[in-house]
């Protein structure tokens, strides 16, 4: 009876060259690996986005980087059918990574979301409608990532034109454009007709503050004179 060697023969221990390793890792392909799209909320400049009013989530922190709605990790017990033994377990939300088309951005939005949020987006008619929801419940569901995407969508010309139409339908004046207010909205027409400028009015207000003078709204002297004239007209002769 022959004893088998403890080690494999030398012909089975061939050294794999670096070129062979590259061929094995990229078999039947000469193209570079495809780069995946960066999550859209990471492309928003953080220094320009307003602070999220509800702050970051301290539990299940994955919600800070996706659209998770109200989903959280659930904890409970698995009870054996025969002996009724309990085993502690947990259930993660049904989350997926999706690329949804945004008409306002004219691009895809890639982010991680739960199945319930995806159903809500389908029911509303698109991710833009979901992100632009104005109720407090929707703002709480967005989280920091959804808040950044909401700000990014609101800066697009399509959404700005939509807001302008809604303000016009409600009878509201046009909103400021790039931080510059129209001259007729910034300065009263009555003062402008008298030849006054905003700088002159501000200087006069500062001078009144230094002299501790009172600000009188309206024309009390004219009201007193008109009241006196009415009393004189009503007084019997």
Protein backbone atom coordinates (compact mmCIF):
# COMPACT_ATOMS: atom_id res chain seq x y z
CA UNK A 1 0.00 0.00 0.00
CA UNK A 2 1.46 3.27 -1.10
CA UNK A 3 1.24 6.33 1.10
CA UNK A 4 -0.19 9.39 -0.57
CA UNK A 5 1.91 12.57 -0.23
CA UNK A 6 0.66 15.08 2.31
CA UNK A 7 1.20 17.98 -0.09
CA UNK A 8 0.03 18.45 -3.65
CA UNK A 9 2.52 18.01 -6.49
CA UNK A 10 4.47 21.01 -7.64
CA UNK A 11 2.61 21.14 -10.96
CA UNK A 12 -0.62 21.91 -9.06
CA UNK A 13 0.94 24.87 -7.21
CA UNK A 14 1.59 27.11 -10.16
CA UNK A 15 2.07 30.75 -9.35
CA UNK A 16 -0.62 33.09 -10.73
CA UNK A 17 0.89 36.07 -12.47
CA UNK A 18 -0.58 39.60 -12.02
CA UNK A 19 -1.82 39.54 -15.63
CA UNK A 20 -3.67 36.30 -14.94
CA UNK A 21 -5.29 37.84 -11.88
CA UNK A 22 -6.55 40.76 -13.99
CA UNK A 23 -7.94 38.35 -16.58
CA UNK A 24 -9.70 36.34 -13.89
CA UNK A 25 -11.26 39.40 -12.27
CA UNK A 26 -12.39 40.86 -15.62
CA UNK A 27 -13.08 37.70 -17.63
CA UNK A 28 -14.54 38.15 -21.12
CA UNK A 29 -14.58 41.93 -20.79
CA UNK A 30 -12.22 44.73 -21.80
CA UNK A 31 -14.36 47.66 -20.62
CA UNK A 32 -13.92 49.51 -17.34
CA UNK A 33 -16.38 48.77 -14.54
CA UNK A 34 -19.45 50.97 -14.68
CA UNK A 35 -19.50 53.82 -12.18
CA UNK A 36 -22.72 54.05 -10.24
CA UNK A 37 -24.58 57.31 -9.79
CA UNK A 38 -23.88 59.16 -6.56
CA UNK A 39 -26.94 59.46 -4.29
CA UNK A 40 -28.62 62.70 -5.29
CA UNK A 41 -28.80 64.23 -1.81
CA UNK A 42 -24.98 64.15 -1.63
CA UNK A 43 -24.73 66.45 -4.67
CA UNK A 44 -26.52 69.31 -2.87
CA UNK A 45 -24.23 71.99 -1.33
CA UNK A 46 -24.69 71.71 2.42
CA UNK A 47 -23.70 75.32 3.12
CA UNK A 48 -26.64 76.64 1.05
CA UNK A 49 -29.38 74.32 2.29
CA UNK A 50 -31.41 75.71 5.23
CA UNK A 51 -31.24 73.77 8.48
CA UNK A 52 -33.67 70.88 8.72
CA UNK A 53 -36.29 72.01 11.29
CA UNK A 54 -36.54 68.62 13.01
CA UNK A 55 -32.83 67.79 13.18
CA UNK A 56 -31.11 64.51 12.39
CA UNK A 57 -32.52 61.17 13.49
CA UNK A 58 -30.80 59.70 16.53
CA UNK A 59 -32.31 56.21 16.15
CA UNK A 60 -32.01 54.14 12.96
CA UNK A 61 -29.61 56.67 11.46
CA UNK A 62 -29.93 55.25 7.95
CA UNK A 63 -33.00 57.48 7.66
CA UNK A 64 -30.64 60.47 7.49
CA UNK A 65 -29.43 59.32 4.06
CA UNK A 66 -32.63 58.30 2.31
CA UNK A 67 -36.41 58.51 2.07
CA UNK A 68 -37.57 56.13 4.79
CA UNK A 69 -40.82 57.83 5.81
CA UNK A 70 -41.84 56.70 9.28
CA UNK A 71 -40.15 53.30 9.01
CA UNK A 72 -38.00 52.10 11.92
CA UNK A 73 -36.43 48.89 13.15
CA UNK A 74 -39.03 46.76 14.88
CA UNK A 75 -38.16 44.43 17.73
CA UNK A 76 -40.04 41.44 19.03
CA UNK A 77 -39.97 37.74 19.84
CA UNK A 78 -40.18 34.56 17.78
CA UNK A 79 -42.26 32.01 19.71
CA UNK A 80 -41.68 28.31 19.08
CA UNK A 81 -44.83 26.44 18.14
CA UNK A 82 -44.13 23.37 20.28
CA UNK A 83 -42.52 24.54 23.51
CA UNK A 84 -43.45 28.27 23.33
CA UNK A 85 -39.87 29.36 23.73
CA UNK A 86 -39.17 33.00 22.92
CA UNK A 87 -36.21 34.20 20.89
CA UNK A 88 -35.47 37.89 20.57
CA UNK A 89 -35.32 39.20 16.97
CA UNK A 90 -35.67 42.36 14.90
CA UNK A 91 -37.18 43.33 11.54
CA UNK A 92 -35.62 45.88 9.21
CA UNK A 93 -37.73 48.10 6.91
CA UNK A 94 -38.33 47.00 3.34
CA UNK A 95 -35.81 49.36 1.73
CA UNK A 96 -34.63 49.58 -1.87
CA UNK A 97 -32.34 51.77 -3.99
CA UNK A 98 -34.26 53.44 -6.83
CA UNK A 99 -33.64 55.88 -9.67
CA UNK A 100 -36.73 58.02 -10.27
CA UNK A 101 -37.16 60.64 -12.98
CA UNK A 102 -37.55 64.26 -11.84
CA UNK A 103 -39.24 66.50 -14.48
CA UNK A 104 -38.12 69.70 -12.73
CA UNK A 105 -34.44 68.66 -12.64
CA UNK A 106 -34.68 66.89 -16.02
CA UNK A 107 -32.57 64.13 -14.49
CA UNK A 108 -32.81 60.97 -12.40
CA UNK A 109 -32.85 61.11 -8.62
CA UNK A 110 -31.09 58.12 -7.08
CA UNK A 111 -31.70 57.46 -3.41
CA UNK A 112 -32.63 54.69 -1.01
CA UNK A 113 -36.30 54.51 0.00
CA UNK A 114 -38.80 52.15 1.54
CA UNK A 115 -41.60 50.40 -0.31
CA UNK A 116 -44.25 52.51 1.44
CA UNK A 117 -42.60 55.74 0.27
CA UNK A 118 -42.39 54.35 -3.26
CA UNK A 119 -46.13 53.59 -3.20
CA UNK A 120 -46.82 57.15 -2.03
CA UNK A 121 -44.69 58.56 -4.86
CA UNK A 122 -46.61 56.46 -7.41
CA UNK A 123 -49.93 57.63 -5.96
CA UNK A 124 -48.94 61.33 -6.07
CA UNK A 125 -47.57 61.11 -9.61
CA UNK A 126 -43.82 61.53 -9.17
CA UNK A 127 -41.02 62.20 -6.74
CA UNK A 128 -41.33 65.97 -7.26
CA UNK A 129 -44.86 65.97 -5.87
CA UNK A 130 -43.73 63.91 -2.89
CA UNK A 131 -40.81 66.20 -2.05
CA UNK A 132 -42.84 69.41 -2.48
CA UNK A 133 -45.48 68.39 0.06
CA UNK A 134 -46.02 71.26 2.50
CA UNK A 135 -47.69 69.53 5.44
CA UNK A 136 -45.75 69.10 8.69
CA UNK A 137 -46.25 65.33 8.50
CA UNK A 138 -44.53 65.21 5.10
CA UNK A 139 -41.65 67.41 6.27
CA UNK A 140 -41.05 65.03 9.20
CA UNK A 141 -41.01 62.05 6.83
CA UNK A 142 -38.46 63.60 4.46
CA UNK A 143 -35.54 63.64 6.87
CA UNK A 144 -32.28 65.50 6.16
CA UNK A 145 -31.75 63.80 2.78
CA UNK A 146 -35.27 64.52 1.55
CA UNK A 147 -34.99 68.08 2.87
CA UNK A 148 -31.86 68.64 0.74
CA UNK A 149 -33.56 67.17 -2.34
CA UNK A 150 -36.60 69.36 -1.70
CA UNK A 151 -34.40 72.48 -1.64
CA UNK A 152 -32.65 71.39 -4.85
CA UNK A 153 -35.96 70.97 -6.66
CA UNK A 154 -37.34 74.29 -5.40
CA UNK A 155 -34.43 76.17 -7.03
CA UNK A 156 -35.30 74.98 -10.54
CA UNK A 157 -37.02 77.40 -12.96
CA UNK A 158 -39.95 75.02 -13.47
CA UNK A 159 -40.85 74.96 -9.77
CA UNK A 160 -40.23 78.71 -9.42
CA UNK A 161 -42.69 79.35 -12.27
CA UNK A 162 -45.17 77.02 -10.60
CA UNK A 163 -44.92 78.92 -7.31
CA UNK A 164 -45.38 82.22 -9.18
CA UNK A 165 -48.60 80.94 -10.76
CA UNK A 166 -49.89 79.80 -7.38
CA UNK A 167 -49.13 83.20 -5.81
CA UNK A 168 -50.88 84.98 -8.67
CA UNK A 169 -53.93 82.72 -8.28
CA UNK A 170 -54.09 83.62 -4.57
CA UNK A 171 -53.75 87.33 -5.30
CA UNK A 172 -50.34 87.68 -3.65
CA UNK A 173 -47.61 90.01 -4.92
CA UNK A 174 -44.63 88.55 -6.79
CA UNK A 175 -41.85 87.13 -4.67
CA UNK A 176 -38.35 88.54 -4.45
CA UNK A 177 -36.03 87.55 -7.31
CA UNK A 178 -32.40 86.73 -6.39
CA UNK A 179 -32.73 88.70 -3.17
CA UNK A 180 -33.62 91.99 -5.00
CA UNK A 181 -37.00 93.53 -4.29
CA UNK A 182 -38.74 95.62 -6.90
CA UNK A 183 -38.54 99.36 -6.33
CA UNK A 184 -42.30 99.78 -6.02
CA UNK A 185 -42.40 97.03 -3.35
CA UNK A 186 -39.32 98.24 -1.47
CA UNK A 187 -40.33 101.91 -1.06
CA UNK A 188 -43.81 103.41 -0.55
CA UNK A 189 -45.24 105.26 -3.52
CA UNK A 190 -46.49 108.14 -1.34
CA UNK A 191 -42.99 108.99 -0.10
CA UNK A 192 -41.52 108.59 -3.56
CA UNK A 193 -44.08 111.05 -4.97
CA UNK A 194 -42.92 113.65 -2.41
CA UNK A 195 -39.37 113.43 -3.73
CA UNK A 196 -37.99 111.41 -0.79
CA UNK A 197 -35.59 108.50 -1.08
CA UNK A 198 -35.10 105.50 1.14
CA UNK A 199 -31.72 106.80 2.36
CA UNK A 200 -33.26 110.13 3.40
CA UNK A 201 -36.06 108.40 5.29
CA UNK A 202 -33.62 106.13 7.11
CA UNK A 203 -31.46 109.12 8.07
CA UNK A 204 -34.50 110.93 9.42
CA UNK A 205 -35.52 107.88 11.46
CA UNK A 206 -32.02 107.59 12.95
CA UNK A 207 -32.10 111.27 13.87
CA UNK A 208 -35.48 110.84 15.58
CA UNK A 209 -34.14 107.91 17.55
CA UNK A 210 -31.21 109.98 18.76
CA UNK A 211 -33.56 112.80 19.85
CA UNK A 212 -35.89 110.31 21.60
CA UNK A 213 -38.85 111.56 19.61
CA UNK A 214 -42.10 109.66 19.36
CA UNK A 215 -43.26 108.05 16.14
CA UNK A 216 -46.76 109.21 15.25
CA UNK A 217 -48.75 107.03 12.89
CA UNK A 218 -51.24 109.00 10.82
CA UNK A 219 -52.14 112.67 11.30
CA UNK A 220 -53.56 113.10 14.81
CA UNK A 221 -53.77 116.91 14.49
CA UNK A 222 -55.84 116.63 11.35
CA UNK A 223 -58.09 114.09 13.07
CA UNK A 224 -58.55 116.43 16.05
CA UNK A 225 -59.41 119.34 13.76
CA UNK A 226 -61.86 117.23 11.79
CA UNK A 227 -63.45 116.01 15.02
CA UNK A 228 -63.76 119.60 16.26
CA UNK A 229 -65.34 120.73 13.01
CA UNK A 230 -67.87 117.87 13.23
CA UNK A 231 -68.74 118.81 16.82
CA UNK A 232 -69.21 122.42 15.79
CA UNK A 233 -71.45 121.42 12.92
CA UNK A 234 -73.60 119.22 15.18
CA UNK A 235 -73.87 121.86 17.95
CA UNK A 236 -77.31 123.57 17.85
CA UNK A 237 -77.33 127.31 17.19
